[in-house]
Each structure stands twice: as structure tokens, then as C-alpha cells.
């Protein structure tokens, strides 16, 4: 087997942030459905959660190329 296993490791590690983004936006949609007037406040929190989840994926990508 030839090639770099770093890319396989990144592919496996990208599953976690993908699930995290799904959970963040599922909670956002659920919160807006229950209390529509809180949409503005929940939207900011959802974007912060999305950014943190994606930062982990980008960090994994960088480490895959560095190592």
C-alpha cells in the first residue's frame, strides 16, 4: 500500500466536525421553532458554534499536511 495515511486520518477526523455542525444547526432550528422571537440571539450563537466546529476540521487538515 503506497501513499500517505495522513489523508485517510484527516478523512476520518472530519466526521466529528461534520456531526458537530449538524448538531449545532439542529439545535438552532429547534430553538427557533420553539421561540421565534429569540432568532437573532440564537443565530449568533449558532454561527459561533459552526465556526468552532469548522476550526477543528481546518486544524485537522493543516496537521494532515504538516505531518
N, C-alpha and C. Protein backbone atom coordinates (compact mmCIF):
# COMPACT_ATOMS: atom_id res chain seq x y z
N UNK A 1 0.85 -1.17 0.00
CA UNK A 1 0.00 0.00 0.00
C UNK A 1 0.89 1.23 0.00
N UNK A 2 0.72 2.05 -0.99
CA UNK A 2 1.54 3.25 -1.09
C UNK A 2 0.68 4.48 -0.86
N UNK A 3 1.33 5.59 -0.60
CA UNK A 3 0.62 6.83 -0.37
C UNK A 3 0.72 7.27 1.07
N UNK A 4 0.06 8.33 1.36
CA UNK A 4 0.13 8.90 2.70
C UNK A 4 -1.14 8.57 3.48
N UNK A 5 -0.95 8.05 4.66
CA UNK A 5 -2.11 7.76 5.50
C UNK A 5 -2.62 9.00 6.23
N UNK A 6 -1.90 10.13 6.08
CA UNK A 6 -2.37 11.37 6.70
C UNK A 6 -3.73 11.78 6.14
N UNK A 7 -3.92 11.58 4.85
CA UNK A 7 -5.17 11.97 4.22
C UNK A 7 -6.31 11.08 4.72
N UNK A 8 -6.04 9.82 4.93
CA UNK A 8 -7.05 8.92 5.48
C UNK A 8 -7.40 9.34 6.90
N UNK A 9 -6.39 9.71 7.68
CA UNK A 9 -6.64 10.18 9.04
C UNK A 9 -7.46 11.45 9.06
N UNK A 10 -7.18 12.35 8.12
CA UNK A 10 -7.98 13.57 8.06
C UNK A 10 -9.42 13.25 7.67
N UNK A 11 -9.59 12.35 6.75
CA UNK A 11 -10.95 11.98 6.35
C UNK A 11 -11.75 11.42 7.50
N UNK A 12 -11.11 10.61 8.31
CA UNK A 12 -11.80 10.07 9.48
C UNK A 12 -12.05 11.13 10.54
N UNK A 13 -11.10 12.07 10.67
CA UNK A 13 -11.28 13.11 11.69
C UNK A 13 -12.29 14.17 11.26
N UNK A 14 -12.60 14.25 9.98
CA UNK A 14 -13.57 15.24 9.51
C UNK A 14 -15.00 14.82 9.83
N UNK A 15 -15.19 13.58 10.24
CA UNK A 15 -16.53 13.12 10.59
C UNK A 15 -17.04 13.84 11.84
N UNK A 16 -16.16 14.05 12.82
CA UNK A 16 -16.55 14.70 14.08
C UNK A 16 -17.07 16.11 13.88
N UNK A 17 -16.32 17.00 13.21
CA UNK A 17 -16.85 18.34 12.97
C UNK A 17 -18.11 18.35 12.10
N UNK A 18 -18.23 17.38 11.19
CA UNK A 18 -19.45 17.29 10.39
C UNK A 18 -20.66 16.99 11.25
N UNK A 19 -20.50 16.08 12.17
CA UNK A 19 -21.59 15.77 13.10
C UNK A 19 -21.86 16.96 14.01
N UNK A 20 -20.78 17.64 14.44
CA UNK A 20 -20.94 18.81 15.31
C UNK A 20 -21.73 19.92 14.65
N UNK A 21 -21.46 20.19 13.37
CA UNK A 21 -22.20 21.22 12.64
C UNK A 21 -23.67 20.83 12.54
N UNK A 22 -23.93 19.57 12.28
CA UNK A 22 -25.32 19.10 12.21
C UNK A 22 -26.05 19.28 13.53
N UNK A 23 -25.38 18.99 14.63
CA UNK A 23 -26.00 19.15 15.95
C UNK A 23 -26.25 20.62 16.26
N UNK A 24 -25.29 21.48 15.91
CA UNK A 24 -25.44 22.92 16.19
C UNK A 24 -26.66 23.47 15.46
N UNK A 25 -26.79 23.18 14.17
CA UNK A 25 -27.89 23.75 13.42
C UNK A 25 -29.22 23.06 13.71
N UNK A 26 -29.18 21.80 14.12
CA UNK A 26 -30.42 21.15 14.57
C UNK A 26 -30.94 21.82 15.84
N UNK A 27 -30.03 22.15 16.74
CA UNK A 27 -30.44 22.84 17.97
C UNK A 27 -30.94 24.26 17.66
N UNK A 28 -30.30 24.91 16.68
CA UNK A 28 -30.74 26.26 16.29
C UNK A 28 -32.15 26.22 15.71
N UNK A 29 -32.41 25.28 14.81
CA UNK A 29 -33.74 25.17 14.20
C UNK A 29 -34.78 24.82 15.26
N UNK A 30 -34.43 23.94 16.16
CA UNK A 30 -35.33 23.56 17.23
C UNK A 30 -35.64 24.75 18.14
N UNK A 31 -34.61 25.53 18.47
CA UNK A 31 -34.82 26.70 19.33
C UNK A 31 -35.67 27.76 18.66
N UNK A 32 -35.47 27.99 17.37
CA UNK A 32 -36.27 28.99 16.66
C UNK A 32 -37.71 28.50 16.50
N UNK A 33 -37.90 27.21 16.32
CA UNK A 33 -39.26 26.68 16.20
C UNK A 33 -40.02 26.83 17.52
N UNK A 34 -39.30 26.69 18.62
CA UNK A 34 -39.96 26.82 19.92
C UNK A 34 -40.19 28.27 20.33
N UNK A 35 -39.24 29.15 19.98
CA UNK A 35 -39.32 30.54 20.41
C UNK A 35 -38.82 31.44 19.28
N UNK A 36 -39.70 31.79 18.34
CA UNK A 36 -39.28 32.55 17.16
C UNK A 36 -38.71 33.94 17.47
N UNK A 37 -39.11 34.55 18.55
CA UNK A 37 -38.62 35.89 18.86
C UNK A 37 -37.16 35.90 19.30
N UNK A 38 -36.60 34.75 19.63
CA UNK A 38 -35.20 34.65 20.05
C UNK A 38 -34.28 34.31 18.88
N UNK A 39 -34.77 34.45 17.66
CA UNK A 39 -34.00 34.05 16.49
C UNK A 39 -32.68 34.81 16.37
N UNK A 40 -32.69 36.10 16.60
CA UNK A 40 -31.49 36.92 16.47
C UNK A 40 -30.40 36.50 17.44
N UNK A 41 -30.78 36.24 18.66
CA UNK A 41 -29.81 35.83 19.67
C UNK A 41 -29.28 34.42 19.39
N UNK A 42 -30.15 33.52 18.98
CA UNK A 42 -29.74 32.15 18.71
C UNK A 42 -28.87 32.06 17.46
N UNK A 43 -29.11 32.95 16.51
CA UNK A 43 -28.36 32.89 15.25
C UNK A 43 -26.88 33.18 15.49
N UNK A 44 -26.58 34.15 16.32
CA UNK A 44 -25.18 34.45 16.64
C UNK A 44 -24.49 33.29 17.33
N UNK A 45 -25.19 32.66 18.26
CA UNK A 45 -24.62 31.51 18.96
C UNK A 45 -24.42 30.35 18.00
N UNK A 46 -25.34 30.16 17.08
CA UNK A 46 -25.21 29.07 16.10
C UNK A 46 -24.00 29.30 15.20
N UNK A 47 -23.77 30.54 14.78
CA UNK A 47 -22.62 30.81 13.92
C UNK A 47 -21.30 30.62 14.67
N UNK A 48 -21.27 30.95 15.95
CA UNK A 48 -20.06 30.72 16.74
C UNK A 48 -19.81 29.23 16.89
N UNK A 49 -20.85 28.46 17.13
CA UNK A 49 -20.70 27.00 17.22
C UNK A 49 -20.25 26.40 15.90
N UNK A 50 -20.78 26.93 14.79
CA UNK A 50 -20.36 26.47 13.47
C UNK A 50 -18.89 26.78 13.23
N UNK A 51 -18.47 27.99 13.60
CA UNK A 51 -17.08 28.39 13.39
C UNK A 51 -16.12 27.54 14.22
N UNK A 52 -16.49 27.25 15.45
CA UNK A 52 -15.62 26.42 16.29
C UNK A 52 -15.52 24.99 15.75
N UNK A 53 -16.64 24.45 15.27
CA UNK A 53 -16.61 23.10 14.71
C UNK A 53 -15.77 23.04 13.45
N UNK A 54 -15.90 24.03 12.60
CA UNK A 54 -15.13 24.05 11.36
C UNK A 54 -13.66 24.36 11.62
N UNK A 55 -13.36 25.09 12.69
CA UNK A 55 -11.96 25.35 13.03
C UNK A 55 -11.25 24.05 13.35
N UNK A 56 -11.95 23.13 14.00
CA UNK A 56 -11.34 21.83 14.28
C UNK A 56 -11.05 21.06 13.00
N UNK A 57 -11.94 21.15 12.03
CA UNK A 57 -11.73 20.47 10.75
C UNK A 57 -10.55 21.08 10.01
N UNK A 58 -10.44 22.39 10.02
CA UNK A 58 -9.33 23.06 9.33
C UNK A 58 -8.01 22.75 10.03
N UNK A 59 -8.04 22.71 11.36
CA UNK A 59 -6.83 22.34 12.10
C UNK A 59 -6.39 20.92 11.76
N UNK A 60 -7.34 20.02 11.63
CA UNK A 60 -7.01 18.65 11.22
C UNK A 60 -6.43 18.60 9.82
N UNK A 61 -6.94 19.42 8.91
CA UNK A 61 -6.41 19.47 7.56
C UNK A 61 -4.98 19.97 7.55
N UNK A 62 -4.72 21.00 8.34
CA UNK A 62 -3.35 21.55 8.41
C UNK A 62 -2.41 20.51 8.99
N UNK A 63 -2.82 19.83 10.04
CA UNK A 63 -1.96 18.81 10.63
C UNK A 63 -1.73 17.64 9.67
N UNK A 64 -2.71 17.34 8.84
CA UNK A 64 -2.53 16.26 7.87
C UNK A 64 -1.44 16.62 6.87
N UNK A 65 -1.35 17.89 6.48
CA UNK A 65 -0.32 18.30 5.53
C UNK A 65 1.04 18.50 6.19
N UNK A 66 1.03 18.94 7.45
CA UNK A 66 2.29 19.19 8.14
C UNK A 66 2.98 17.88 8.51
N UNK A 67 2.21 16.95 9.03
CA UNK A 67 2.80 15.67 9.45
C UNK A 67 2.92 14.81 8.26
